[in-house]
């Protein structure tokens, strides 16, 4: 929900600030403006796809957060991993094991 709220806040900033104001707002909140621009472009593509499929893209779920959170979960599950006892990570879907750990005691 934080991501969605940040996107909504950025959209408000876009309507009130110039280019430098937007960059300053993003820097102040430790956010990357290019990411918001990409998200806006993806949102526009999804809206066009909805219109082609006969779905009203402005239809709301009445601020039911569970539907939004569930859709985020479905989209992000492929990027999740479990920490293994040996310090490596194993993807929750698939069998890829990554050795992305650093044992500071050996440095």
PDB file of N, CA and C in Angstrom:
ATOM      1  N   UNK A   1       0.828  -1.185   0.000  1.00  0.00           N
ATOM      2  CA  UNK A   1       0.000   0.000   0.000  1.00  0.00           C
ATOM      3  C   UNK A   1       0.876   1.253   0.000  1.00  0.00           C
ATOM      4  N   UNK A   2       2.086   1.133   0.545  1.00  0.00           N
ATOM      5  CA  UNK A   2       2.987   2.281   0.562  1.00  0.00           C
ATOM      6  C   UNK A   2       3.349   2.690  -0.860  1.00  0.00           C
ATOM      7  N   UNK A   3       3.587   1.718  -1.725  1.00  0.00           N
ATOM      8  CA  UNK A   3       3.928   2.011  -3.118  1.00  0.00           C
ATOM      9  C   UNK A   3       2.771   2.739  -3.796  1.00  0.00           C
ATOM     10  N   UNK A   4       1.568   2.268  -3.577  1.00  0.00           N
ATOM     11  CA  UNK A   4       0.400   2.893  -4.181  1.00  0.00           C
ATOM     12  C   UNK A   4       0.221   4.314  -3.658  1.00  0.00           C
ATOM     13  N   UNK A   5       0.402   4.508  -2.366  1.00  0.00           N
ATOM     14  CA  UNK A   5       0.279   5.848  -1.792  1.00  0.00           C
ATOM     15  C   UNK A   5       1.358   6.785  -2.314  1.00  0.00           C
ATOM     16  N   UNK A   6       2.574   6.277  -2.494  1.00  0.00           N
ATOM     17  CA  UNK A   6       3.659   7.100  -3.043  1.00  0.00           C
ATOM     18  C   UNK A   6       3.332   7.496  -4.485  1.00  0.00           C
ATOM     19  N   UNK A   7       2.781   6.565  -5.265  1.00  0.00           N
ATOM     20  CA  UNK A   7       2.419   6.869  -6.653  1.00  0.00           C
ATOM     21  C   UNK A   7       1.334   7.933  -6.690  1.00  0.00           C
ATOM     22  N   UNK A   8       0.342   7.818  -5.828  1.00  0.00           N
ATOM     23  CA  UNK A   8      -0.738   8.811  -5.783  1.00  0.00           C
ATOM     24  C   UNK A   8      -0.192  10.180  -5.375  1.00  0.00           C
ATOM     25  N   UNK A   9       0.719  10.204  -4.411  1.00  0.00           N
ATOM     26  CA  UNK A   9       1.320  11.472  -3.983  1.00  0.00           C
ATOM     27  C   UNK A   9       2.122  12.090  -5.118  1.00  0.00           C
ATOM     28  N   UNK A  10       2.855  11.273  -5.868  1.00  0.00           N
ATOM     29  CA  UNK A  10       3.634  11.784  -6.993  1.00  0.00           C
ATOM     30  C   UNK A  10       2.708  12.378  -8.052  1.00  0.00           C
ATOM     31  N   UNK A  11       1.584  11.723  -8.321  1.00  0.00           N
ATOM     32  CA  UNK A  11       0.638  12.258  -9.305  1.00  0.00           C
ATOM     33  C   UNK A  11       0.139  13.637  -8.883  1.00  0.00           C
ATOM     34  N   UNK A  12      -0.074  13.847  -7.597  1.00  0.00           N
ATOM     35  CA  UNK A  12      -0.491  15.162  -7.112  1.00  0.00           C
ATOM     36  C   UNK A  12       0.616  16.193  -7.304  1.00  0.00           C
ATOM     37  N   UNK A  13       1.859  15.791  -7.053  1.00  0.00           N
ATOM     38  CA  UNK A  13       2.995  16.690  -7.215  1.00  0.00           C
ATOM     39  C   UNK A  13       3.141  17.090  -8.681  1.00  0.00           C
ATOM     40  N   UNK A  14       2.901  16.165  -9.591  1.00  0.00           N
ATOM     41  CA  UNK A  14       3.021  16.449 -11.020  1.00  0.00           C
ATOM     42  C   UNK A  14       2.069  17.566 -11.428  1.00  0.00           C
ATOM     43  N   UNK A  15       0.882  17.595 -10.841  1.00  0.00           N
ATOM     44  CA  UNK A  15      -0.108  18.606 -11.228  1.00  0.00           C
ATOM     45  C   UNK A  15       0.201  19.977 -10.644  1.00  0.00           C
ATOM     46  N   UNK A  16       1.019  20.042  -9.595  1.00  0.00           N
ATOM     47  CA  UNK A  16       1.260  21.324  -8.939  1.00  0.00           C
ATOM     48  C   UNK A  16       2.679  21.861  -9.095  1.00  0.00           C
ATOM     49  N   UNK A  17       3.631  21.013  -9.419  1.00  0.00           N
ATOM     50  CA  UNK A  17       5.040  21.430  -9.472  1.00  0.00           C
ATOM     51  C   UNK A  17       5.582  21.391 -10.889  1.00  0.00           C
ATOM     52  N   UNK A  18       6.635  22.163 -11.107  1.00  0.00           N
ATOM     53  CA  UNK A  18       7.342  22.089 -12.374  1.00  0.00           C
ATOM     54  C   UNK A  18       8.369  20.955 -12.304  1.00  0.00           C
ATOM     55  N   UNK A  19       9.177  20.817 -13.354  1.00  0.00           N
ATOM     56  CA  UNK A  19      10.139  19.720 -13.433  1.00  0.00           C
ATOM     57  C   UNK A  19      11.097  19.712 -12.238  1.00  0.00           C
ATOM     58  N   UNK A  20      11.608  20.880 -11.873  1.00  0.00           N
ATOM     59  CA  UNK A  20      12.559  20.951 -10.764  1.00  0.00           C
ATOM     60  C   UNK A  20      11.887  20.673  -9.423  1.00  0.00           C
ATOM     61  N   UNK A  21      10.632  21.084  -9.288  1.00  0.00           N
ATOM     62  CA  UNK A  21       9.881  20.797  -8.074  1.00  0.00           C
ATOM     63  C   UNK A  21       9.634  19.311  -7.894  1.00  0.00           C
ATOM     64  N   UNK A  22       9.339  18.634  -9.023  1.00  0.00           N
ATOM     65  CA  UNK A  22       9.136  17.178  -8.963  1.00  0.00           C
ATOM     66  C   UNK A  22      10.419  16.463  -8.586  1.00  0.00           C
ATOM     67  N   UNK A  23      11.529  16.866  -9.206  1.00  0.00           N
ATOM     68  CA  UNK A  23      12.813  16.238  -8.891  1.00  0.00           C
ATOM     69  C   UNK A  23      13.184  16.472  -7.426  1.00  0.00           C
ATOM     70  N   UNK A  24      12.936  17.677  -6.936  1.00  0.00           N
ATOM     71  CA  UNK A  24      13.233  17.982  -5.542  1.00  0.00           C
ATOM     72  C   UNK A  24      12.364  17.155  -4.601  1.00  0.00           C
ATOM     73  N   UNK A  25      11.074  16.996  -4.945  1.00  0.00           N
ATOM     74  CA  UNK A  25      10.169  16.185  -4.115  1.00  0.00           C
ATOM     75  C   UNK A  25      10.647  14.743  -4.059  1.00  0.00           C
ATOM     76  N   UNK A  26      11.041  14.196  -5.215  1.00  0.00           N
ATOM     77  CA  UNK A  26      11.527  12.813  -5.261  1.00  0.00           C
ATOM     78  C   UNK A  26      12.808  12.666  -4.442  1.00  0.00           C
ATOM     79  N   UNK A  27      13.717  13.613  -4.578  1.00  0.00           N
ATOM     80  CA  UNK A  27      14.976  13.547  -3.837  1.00  0.00           C
ATOM     81  C   UNK A  27      14.706  13.640  -2.326  1.00  0.00           C
ATOM     82  N   UNK A  28      13.794  14.515  -1.958  1.00  0.00           N
ATOM     83  CA  UNK A  28      13.450  14.696  -0.535  1.00  0.00           C
ATOM     84  C   UNK A  28      12.869  13.422   0.077  1.00  0.00           C
ATOM     85  N   UNK A  29      12.130  12.649  -0.728  1.00  0.00           N
ATOM     86  CA  UNK A  29      11.490  11.422  -0.235  1.00  0.00           C
ATOM     87  C   UNK A  29      12.256  10.155  -0.626  1.00  0.00           C
ATOM     88  N   UNK A  30      13.469  10.320  -1.152  1.00  0.00           N
ATOM     89  CA  UNK A  30      14.328   9.190  -1.524  1.00  0.00           C
ATOM     90  C   UNK A  30      13.655   8.278  -2.541  1.00  0.00           C
ATOM     91  N   UNK A  31      13.053   8.886  -3.558  1.00  0.00           N
ATOM     92  CA  UNK A  31      12.352   8.148  -4.604  1.00  0.00           C
ATOM     93  C   UNK A  31      12.962   8.458  -5.961  1.00  0.00           C
ATOM     94  N   UNK A  32      12.822   7.539  -6.895  1.00  0.00           N
ATOM     95  CA  UNK A  32      13.369   7.694  -8.229  1.00  0.00           C
ATOM     96  C   UNK A  32      12.254   8.117  -9.180  1.00  0.00           C
ATOM     97  N   UNK A  33      12.373   9.304  -9.750  1.00  0.00           N
ATOM     98  CA  UNK A  33      11.316   9.815 -10.616  1.00  0.00           C
ATOM     99  C   UNK A  33      11.129   8.961 -11.866  1.00  0.00           C
ATOM    100  N   UNK A  34      12.207   8.406 -12.400  1.00  0.00           N
ATOM    101  CA  UNK A  34      12.083   7.553 -13.587  1.00  0.00           C
ATOM    102  C   UNK A  34      11.175   6.362 -13.318  1.00  0.00           C
ATOM    103  N   UNK A  35      11.199   5.845 -12.093  1.00  0.00           N
ATOM    104  CA  UNK A  35      10.331   4.724 -11.741  1.00  0.00           C
ATOM    105  C   UNK A  35       8.865   5.137 -11.803  1.00  0.00           C
ATOM    106  N   UNK A  36       8.562   6.342 -11.320  1.00  0.00           N
ATOM    107  CA  UNK A  36       7.180   6.825 -11.386  1.00  0.00           C
ATOM    108  C   UNK A  36       6.739   7.050 -12.829  1.00  0.00           C
ATOM    109  N   UNK A  37       7.632   7.551 -13.661  1.00  0.00           N
ATOM    110  CA  UNK A  37       7.299   7.771 -15.063  1.00  0.00           C
ATOM    111  C   UNK A  37       7.026   6.436 -15.743  1.00  0.00           C
ATOM    112  N   UNK A  38       7.844   5.432 -15.445  1.00  0.00           N
ATOM    113  CA  UNK A  38       7.624   4.096 -16.001  1.00  0.00           C
ATOM    114  C   UNK A  38       6.303   3.514 -15.506  1.00  0.00           C
ATOM    115  N   UNK A  39       5.990   3.698 -14.231  1.00  0.00           N
ATOM    116  CA  UNK A  39       4.722   3.198 -13.675  1.00  0.00           C
ATOM    117  C   UNK A  39       3.535   3.885 -14.351  1.00  0.00           C
ATOM    118  N   UNK A  40       3.666   5.181 -14.614  1.00  0.00           N
ATOM    119  CA  UNK A  40       2.599   5.909 -15.306  1.00  0.00           C
ATOM    120  C   UNK A  40       2.392   5.352 -16.713  1.00  0.00           C
ATOM    121  N   UNK A  41       3.499   5.086 -17.416  1.00  0.00           N
ATOM    122  CA  UNK A  41       3.401   4.533 -18.770  1.00  0.00           C
ATOM    123  C   UNK A  41       2.747   3.151 -18.759  1.00  0.00           C
ATOM    124  N   UNK A  42       3.110   2.332 -17.791  1.00  0.00           N
ATOM    125  CA  UNK A  42       2.505   0.991 -17.669  1.00  0.00           C
ATOM    126  C   UNK A  42       1.027   1.113 -17.359  1.00  0.00           C
ATOM    127  N   UNK A  43       0.670   2.056 -16.493  1.00  0.00           N
ATOM    128  CA  UNK A  43      -0.737   2.269 -16.146  1.00  0.00           C
ATOM    129  C   UNK A  43      -1.533   2.665 -17.388  1.00  0.00           C
ATOM    130  N   UNK A  44      -0.955   3.523 -18.232  1.00  0.00           N
ATOM    131  CA  UNK A  44      -1.631   3.926 -19.463  1.00  0.00           C
ATOM    132  C   UNK A  44      -1.808   2.731 -20.405  1.00  0.00           C
ATOM    133  N   UNK A  45      -0.799   1.863 -20.489  1.00  0.00           N
ATOM    134  CA  UNK A  45      -0.902   0.662 -21.319  1.00  0.00           C
ATOM    135  C   UNK A  45      -2.000  -0.256 -20.800  1.00  0.00           C
ATOM    136  N   UNK A  46      -2.074  -0.411 -19.476  1.00  0.00           N
ATOM    137  CA  UNK A  46      -3.123  -1.252 -18.891  1.00  0.00           C
ATOM    138  C   UNK A  46      -4.507  -0.672 -19.155  1.00  0.00           C
ATOM    139  N   UNK A  47      -4.624   0.652 -19.081  1.00  0.00           N
ATOM    140  CA  UNK A  47      -5.908   1.302 -19.354  1.00  0.00           C
ATOM    141  C   UNK A  47      -6.337   1.055 -20.797  1.00  0.00           C
ATOM    142  N   UNK A  48      -5.388   1.135 -21.735  1.00  0.00           N
ATOM    143  CA  UNK A  48      -5.712   0.859 -23.136  1.00  0.00           C
ATOM    144  C   UNK A  48      -6.137  -0.591 -23.323  1.00  0.00           C
ATOM    145  N   UNK A  49      -5.451  -1.510 -22.644  1.00  0.00           N
ATOM    146  CA  UNK A  49      -5.799  -2.925 -22.731  1.00  0.00           C
ATOM    147  C   UNK A  49      -7.197  -3.169 -22.164  1.00  0.00           C
ATOM    148  N   UNK A  50      -7.521  -2.520 -21.059  1.00  0.00           N
ATOM    149  CA  UNK A  50      -8.861  -2.651 -20.472  1.00  0.00           C
ATOM    150  C   UNK A  50      -9.925  -2.156 -21.440  1.00  0.00           C
ATOM    151  N   UNK A  51      -9.675  -1.012 -22.053  1.00  0.00           N
ATOM    152  CA  UNK A  51     -10.653  -0.465 -23.000  1.00  0.00           C
ATOM    153  C   UNK A  51     -10.866  -1.406 -24.173  1.00  0.00           C
ATOM    154  N   UNK A  52      -9.781  -2.003 -24.683  1.00  0.00           N
ATOM    155  CA  UNK A  52      -9.905  -2.945 -25.795  1.00  0.00           C
ATOM    156  C   UNK A  52     -10.697  -4.182 -25.392  1.00  0.00           C
ATOM    157  N   UNK A  53     -10.596  -4.567 -24.110  1.00  0.00           N
ATOM    158  CA  UNK A  53     -11.307  -5.749 -23.611  1.00  0.00           C
ATOM    159  C   UNK A  53     -12.716  -5.409 -23.136  1.00  0.00           C
ATOM    160  N   UNK A  54     -13.101  -4.134 -23.235  1.00  0.00           N
ATOM    161  CA  UNK A  54     -14.445  -3.729 -22.826  1.00  0.00           C
ATOM    162  C   UNK A  54     -14.596  -3.550 -21.333  1.00  0.00           C
ATOM    163  N   UNK A  55     -13.492  -3.311 -20.637  1.00  0.00           N
ATOM    164  CA  UNK A  55     -13.514  -3.097 -19.188  1.00  0.00           C
ATOM    165  C   UNK A  55     -13.282  -1.624 -18.920  1.00  0.00           C
ATOM    166  N   UNK A  56     -14.072  -1.048 -18.046  1.00  0.00           N
ATOM    167  CA  UNK A  56     -13.889   0.358 -17.686  1.00  0.00           C
ATOM    168  C   UNK A  56     -12.676   0.481 -16.764  1.00  0.00           C
ATOM    169  N   UNK A  57     -11.590   1.136 -17.215  1.00  0.00           N
ATOM    170  CA  UNK A  57     -10.385   1.229 -16.380  1.00  0.00           C
ATOM    171  C   UNK A  57     -10.559   2.119 -15.164  1.00  0.00           C
ATOM    172  N   UNK A  58     -11.619   2.895 -15.119  1.00  0.00           N
ATOM    173  CA  UNK A  58     -11.844   3.778 -13.978  1.00  0.00           C
ATOM    174  C   UNK A  58     -12.697   3.142 -12.894  1.00  0.00           C
ATOM    175  N   UNK A  59     -13.130   1.898 -13.117  1.00  0.00           N
ATOM    176  CA  UNK A  59     -13.905   1.183 -12.112  1.00  0.00           C
ATOM    177  C   UNK A  59     -13.031   0.940 -10.895  1.00  0.00           C
ATOM    178  N   UNK A  60     -13.567   1.219  -9.736  1.00  0.00           N
ATOM    179  CA  UNK A  60     -12.811   1.095  -8.496  1.00  0.00           C
ATOM    180  C   UNK A  60     -13.276  -0.129  -7.722  1.00  0.00           C
ATOM    181  N   UNK A  61     -12.413  -0.593  -6.852  1.00  0.00           N
ATOM    182  CA  UNK A  61     -12.784  -1.680  -5.952  1.00  0.00           C
ATOM    183  C   UNK A  61     -13.222  -1.099  -4.610  1.00  0.00           C
ATOM    184  N   UNK A  62     -13.591   0.173  -4.635  1.00  0.00           N
ATOM    185  CA  UNK A  62     -14.064   0.865  -3.432  1.00  0.00           C
ATOM    186  C   UNK A  62     -13.038   0.847  -2.303  1.00  0.00           C
ATOM    187  N   UNK A  63     -11.784   1.074  -2.660  1.00  0.00           N
ATOM    188  CA  UNK A  63     -10.683   1.134  -1.687  1.00  0.00           C
ATOM    189  C   UNK A  63     -10.552  -0.138  -0.862  1.00  0.00           C
ATOM    190  N   UNK A  64     -10.913  -1.272  -1.445  1.00  0.00           N
ATOM    191  CA  UNK A  64     -10.700  -2.551  -0.770  1.00  0.00           C
ATOM    192  C   UNK A  64      -9.237  -2.919  -0.951  1.00  0.00           C
ATOM    193  N   UNK A  65      -8.479  -2.772   0.100  1.00  0.00           N
ATOM    194  CA  UNK A  65      -7.041  -3.003   0.021  1.00  0.00           C
ATOM    195  C   UNK A  65      -6.690  -4.458  -0.214  1.00  0.00           C
ATOM    196  N   UNK A  66      -7.528  -5.392   0.213  1.00  0.00           N
ATOM    197  CA  UNK A  66      -7.188  -6.802   0.064  1.00  0.00           C
ATOM    198  C   UNK A  66      -7.020  -7.202  -1.398  1.00  0.00           C
ATOM    199  N   UNK A  67      -7.822  -6.644  -2.292  1.00  0.00           N
ATOM    200  CA  UNK A  67      -7.685  -6.965  -3.715  1.00  0.00           C
ATOM    201  C   UNK A  67      -6.370  -6.426  -4.264  1.00  0.00           C
ATOM    202  N   UNK A  68      -5.984  -5.245  -3.844  1.00  0.00           N
ATOM    203  CA  UNK A  68      -4.730  -4.644  -4.305  1.00  0.00           C
ATOM    204  C   UNK A  68      -3.544  -5.427  -3.766  1.00  0.00           C
ATOM    205  N   UNK A  69      -3.565  -5.749  -2.503  1.00  0.00           N
ATOM    206  CA  UNK A  69      -2.465  -6.488  -1.888  1.00  0.00           C
ATOM    207  C   UNK A  69      -2.343  -7.874  -2.519  1.00  0.00           C
ATOM    208  N   UNK A  70      -3.467  -8.521  -2.785  1.00  0.00           N
ATOM    209  CA  UNK A  70      -3.446  -9.845  -3.415  1.00  0.00           C
ATOM    210  C   UNK A  70      -2.822  -9.766  -4.811  1.00  0.00           C
ATOM    211  N   UNK A  71      -3.154  -8.724  -5.573  1.00  0.00           N
ATOM    212  CA  UNK A  71      -2.574  -8.602  -6.913  1.00  0.00           C
ATOM    213  C   UNK A  71      -1.078  -8.325  -6.839  1.00  0.00           C
ATOM    214  N   UNK A  72      -0.631  -7.517  -5.881  1.00  0.00           N
ATOM    215  CA  UNK A  72       0.811  -7.310  -5.686  1.00  0.00           C
ATOM    216  C   UNK A  72       1.490  -8.634  -5.348  1.00  0.00           C
ATOM    217  N   UNK A  73       0.881  -9.403  -4.477  1.00  0.00           N
ATOM    218  CA  UNK A  73       1.457 -10.689  -4.079  1.00  0.00           C
ATOM    219  C   UNK A  73       1.622 -11.636  -5.247  1.00  0.00           C
ATOM    220  N   UNK A  74       0.603 -11.704  -6.092  1.00  0.00           N
ATOM    221  CA  UNK A  74       0.686 -12.572  -7.270  1.00  0.00           C
ATOM    222  C   UNK A  74       1.798 -12.112  -8.206  1.00  0.00           C
ATOM    223  N   UNK A  75       1.972 -10.816  -8.334  1.00  0.00           N
ATOM    224  CA  UNK A  75       2.993 -10.298  -9.234  1.00  0.00           C
ATOM    225  C   UNK A  75       4.405 -10.419  -8.694  1.00  0.00           C
ATOM    226  N   UNK A  76       4.551 -10.387  -7.376  1.00  0.00           N
ATOM    227  CA  UNK A  76       5.881 -10.379  -6.775  1.00  0.00           C
ATOM    228  C   UNK A  76       6.358 -11.737  -6.272  1.00  0.00           C
ATOM    229  N   UNK A  77       5.508 -12.744  -6.302  1.00  0.00           N
ATOM    230  CA  UNK A  77       5.878 -14.045  -5.737  1.00  0.00           C
ATOM    231  C   UNK A  77       7.086 -14.645  -6.446  1.00  0.00           C
ATOM    232  N   UNK A  78       7.235 -14.376  -7.725  1.00  0.00           N
ATOM    233  CA  UNK A  78       8.377 -14.929  -8.462  1.00  0.00           C
ATOM    234  C   UNK A  78       9.698 -14.319  -8.002  1.00  0.00           C
ATOM    235  N   UNK A  79       9.636 -13.184  -7.314  1.00  0.00           N
ATOM    236  CA  UNK A  79      10.847 -12.519  -6.840  1.00  0.00           C
ATOM    237  C   UNK A  79      11.124 -12.789  -5.364  1.00  0.00           C
ATOM    238  N   UNK A  80      10.457 -13.752  -4.787  1.00  0.00           N
ATOM    239  CA  UNK A  80      10.650 -14.035  -3.366  1.00  0.00           C
ATOM    240  C   UNK A  80      11.580 -15.228  -3.173  1.00  0.00           C
ATOM    241  N   UNK A  81      12.255 -15.249  -2.031  1.00  0.00           N
ATOM    242  CA  UNK A  81      13.187 -16.336  -1.721  1.00  0.00           C
ATOM    243  C   UNK A  81      13.199 -16.562  -0.219  1.00  0.00           C
ATOM    244  N   UNK A  82      13.618 -17.753   0.157  1.00  0.00           N
ATOM    245  CA  UNK A  82      13.724 -18.108   1.567  1.00  0.00           C
ATOM    246  C   UNK A  82      15.197 -18.230   1.945  1.00  0.00           C
ATOM    247  N   UNK A  83      15.541 -17.711   3.099  1.00  0.00           N
ATOM    248  CA  UNK A  83      16.903 -17.832   3.604  1.00  0.00           C
ATOM    249  C   UNK A  83      17.117 -19.259   4.080  1.00  0.00           C
ATOM    250  N   UNK A  84      18.174 -19.895   3.583  1.00  0.00           N
ATOM    251  CA  UNK A  84      18.498 -21.272   3.931  1.00  0.00           C
ATOM    252  C   UNK A  84      19.444 -21.293   5.136  1.00  0.00           C
ATOM    253  N   UNK A  85      19.526 -22.422   5.858  1.00  0.00           N
ATOM    254  CA  UNK A  85      20.401 -22.511   7.029  1.00  0.00           C
ATOM    255  C   UNK A  85      21.879 -22.216   6.727  1.00  0.00           C
ATOM    256  N   UNK A  86      22.315 -22.481   5.489  1.00  0.00           N
ATOM    257  CA  UNK A  86      23.717 -22.228   5.151  1.00  0.00           C
ATOM    258  C   UNK A  86      23.974 -20.769   4.753  1.00  0.00           C
ATOM    259  N   UNK A  87      22.937 -19.920   4.771  1.00  0.00           N
ATOM    260  CA  UNK A  87      23.092 -18.508   4.447  1.00  0.00           C
ATOM    261  C   UNK A  87      22.757 -18.160   3.019  1.00  0.00           C
ATOM    262  N   UNK A  88      22.470 -19.144   2.181  1.00  0.00           N
ATOM    263  CA  UNK A  88      22.083 -18.868   0.804  1.00  0.00           C
ATOM    264  C   UNK A  88      20.572 -18.642   0.750  1.00  0.00           C
ATOM    265  N   UNK A  89      20.101 -18.219  -0.405  1.00  0.00           N
ATOM    266  CA  UNK A  89      18.680 -17.998  -0.614  1.00  0.00           C
ATOM    267  C   UNK A  89      18.172 -18.954  -1.681  1.00  0.00           C
ATOM    268  N   UNK A  90      16.976 -19.494  -1.476  1.00  0.00           N
ATOM    269  CA  UNK A  90      16.345 -20.379  -2.445  1.00  0.00           C
ATOM    270  C   UNK A  90      15.013 -19.773  -2.846  1.00  0.00           C
ATOM    271  N   UNK A  91      14.792 -19.668  -4.167  1.00  0.00           N
ATOM    272  CA  UNK A  91      13.541 -19.109  -4.650  1.00  0.00           C
ATOM    273  C   UNK A  91      12.365 -19.934  -4.140  1.00  0.00           C
ATOM    274  N   UNK A  92      11.267 -19.264  -3.827  1.00  0.00           N
ATOM    275  CA  UNK A  92      10.084 -19.984  -3.365  1.00  0.00           C
ATOM    276  C   UNK A  92       9.418 -20.729  -4.514  1.00  0.00           C
ATOM    277  N   UNK A  93       9.608 -20.255  -5.745  1.00  0.00           N
ATOM    278  CA  UNK A  93       9.103 -20.957  -6.915  1.00  0.00           C
ATOM    279  C   UNK A  93      10.313 -21.312  -7.759  1.00  0.00           C
ATOM    280  N   UNK A  94      10.532 -22.593  -7.991  1.00  0.00           N
ATOM    281  CA  UNK A  94      11.689 -23.038  -8.751  1.00  0.00           C
ATOM    282  C   UNK A  94      12.767 -23.573  -7.820  1.00  0.00           C
ATOM    283  N   UNK A  95      13.906 -23.890  -8.392  1.00  0.00           N
ATOM    284  CA  UNK A  95      14.966 -24.513  -7.610  1.00  0.00           C
ATOM    285  C   UNK A  95      16.268 -23.711  -7.641  1.00  0.00           C
ATOM    286  N   UNK A  96      16.202 -22.440  -7.974  1.00  0.00           N
ATOM    287  CA  UNK A  96      17.407 -21.624  -8.056  1.00  0.00           C
ATOM    288  C   UNK A  96      17.900 -21.282  -6.661  1.00  0.00           C
ATOM    289  N   UNK A  97      19.191 -21.533  -6.418  1.00  0.00           N
ATOM    290  CA  UNK A  97      19.813 -21.203  -5.139  1.00  0.00           C
ATOM    291  C   UNK A  97      20.858 -20.134  -5.396  1.00  0.00           C
ATOM    292  N   UNK A  98      20.807 -19.051  -4.651  1.00  0.00           N
ATOM    293  CA  UNK A  98      21.770 -17.964  -4.803  1.00  0.00           C
ATOM    294  C   UNK A  98      22.641 -17.889  -3.571  1.00  0.00           C
ATOM    295  N   UNK A  99      23.908 -17.701  -3.780  1.00  0.00           N
ATOM    296  CA  UNK A  99      24.844 -17.549  -2.670  1.00  0.00           C
ATOM    297  C   UNK A  99      25.140 -16.070  -2.486  1.00  0.00           C
ATOM    298  N   UNK A 100      24.142 -15.310  -2.125  1.00  0.00           N
ATOM    299  CA  UNK A 100      24.283 -13.872  -1.957  1.00  0.00           C
ATOM    300  C   UNK A 100      24.373 -13.515  -0.482  1.00  0.00           C
ATOM    301  N   UNK A 101      25.328 -14.083   0.188  1.00  0.00           N
ATOM    302  CA  UNK A 101      25.504 -13.744   1.589  1.00  0.00           C
ATOM    303  C   UNK A 101      26.958 -13.398   1.806  1.00  0.00           C
ATOM    304  N   UNK A 102      27.206 -12.640   2.840  1.00  0.00           N
ATOM    305  CA  UNK A 102      28.563 -12.228   3.167  1.00  0.00           C
ATOM    306  C   UNK A 102      28.822 -12.547   4.612  1.00  0.00           C
ATOM    307  N   UNK A 103      29.815 -13.364   4.852  1.00  0.00           N
ATOM    308  CA  UNK A 103      30.179 -13.711   6.215  1.00  0.00           C
ATOM    309  C   UNK A 103      31.222 -12.705   6.667  1.00  0.00           C
ATOM    310  N   UNK A 104      30.811 -11.727   7.423  1.00  0.00           N
ATOM    311  CA  UNK A 104      31.711 -10.660   7.855  1.00  0.00           C
ATOM    312  C   UNK A 104      32.823 -11.180   8.747  1.00  0.00           C
ATOM    313  N   UNK A 105      32.584 -12.277   9.425  1.00  0.00           N
ATOM    314  CA  UNK A 105      33.610 -12.831  10.322  1.00  0.00           C
ATOM    315  C   UNK A 105      34.834 -13.317   9.580  1.00  0.00           C
ATOM    316  N   UNK A 106      34.730 -13.577   8.276  1.00  0.00           N
ATOM    317  CA  UNK A 106      35.888 -14.085   7.524  1.00  0.00           C
ATOM    318  C   UNK A 106      36.671 -12.975   6.852  1.00  0.00           C
ATOM    319  N   UNK A 107      36.213 -11.740   6.926  1.00  0.00           N
ATOM    320  CA  UNK A 107      36.943 -10.641   6.289  1.00  0.00           C
ATOM    321  C   UNK A 107      38.146 -10.215   7.065  1.00  0.00           C
TER     322      UNK A 107
END
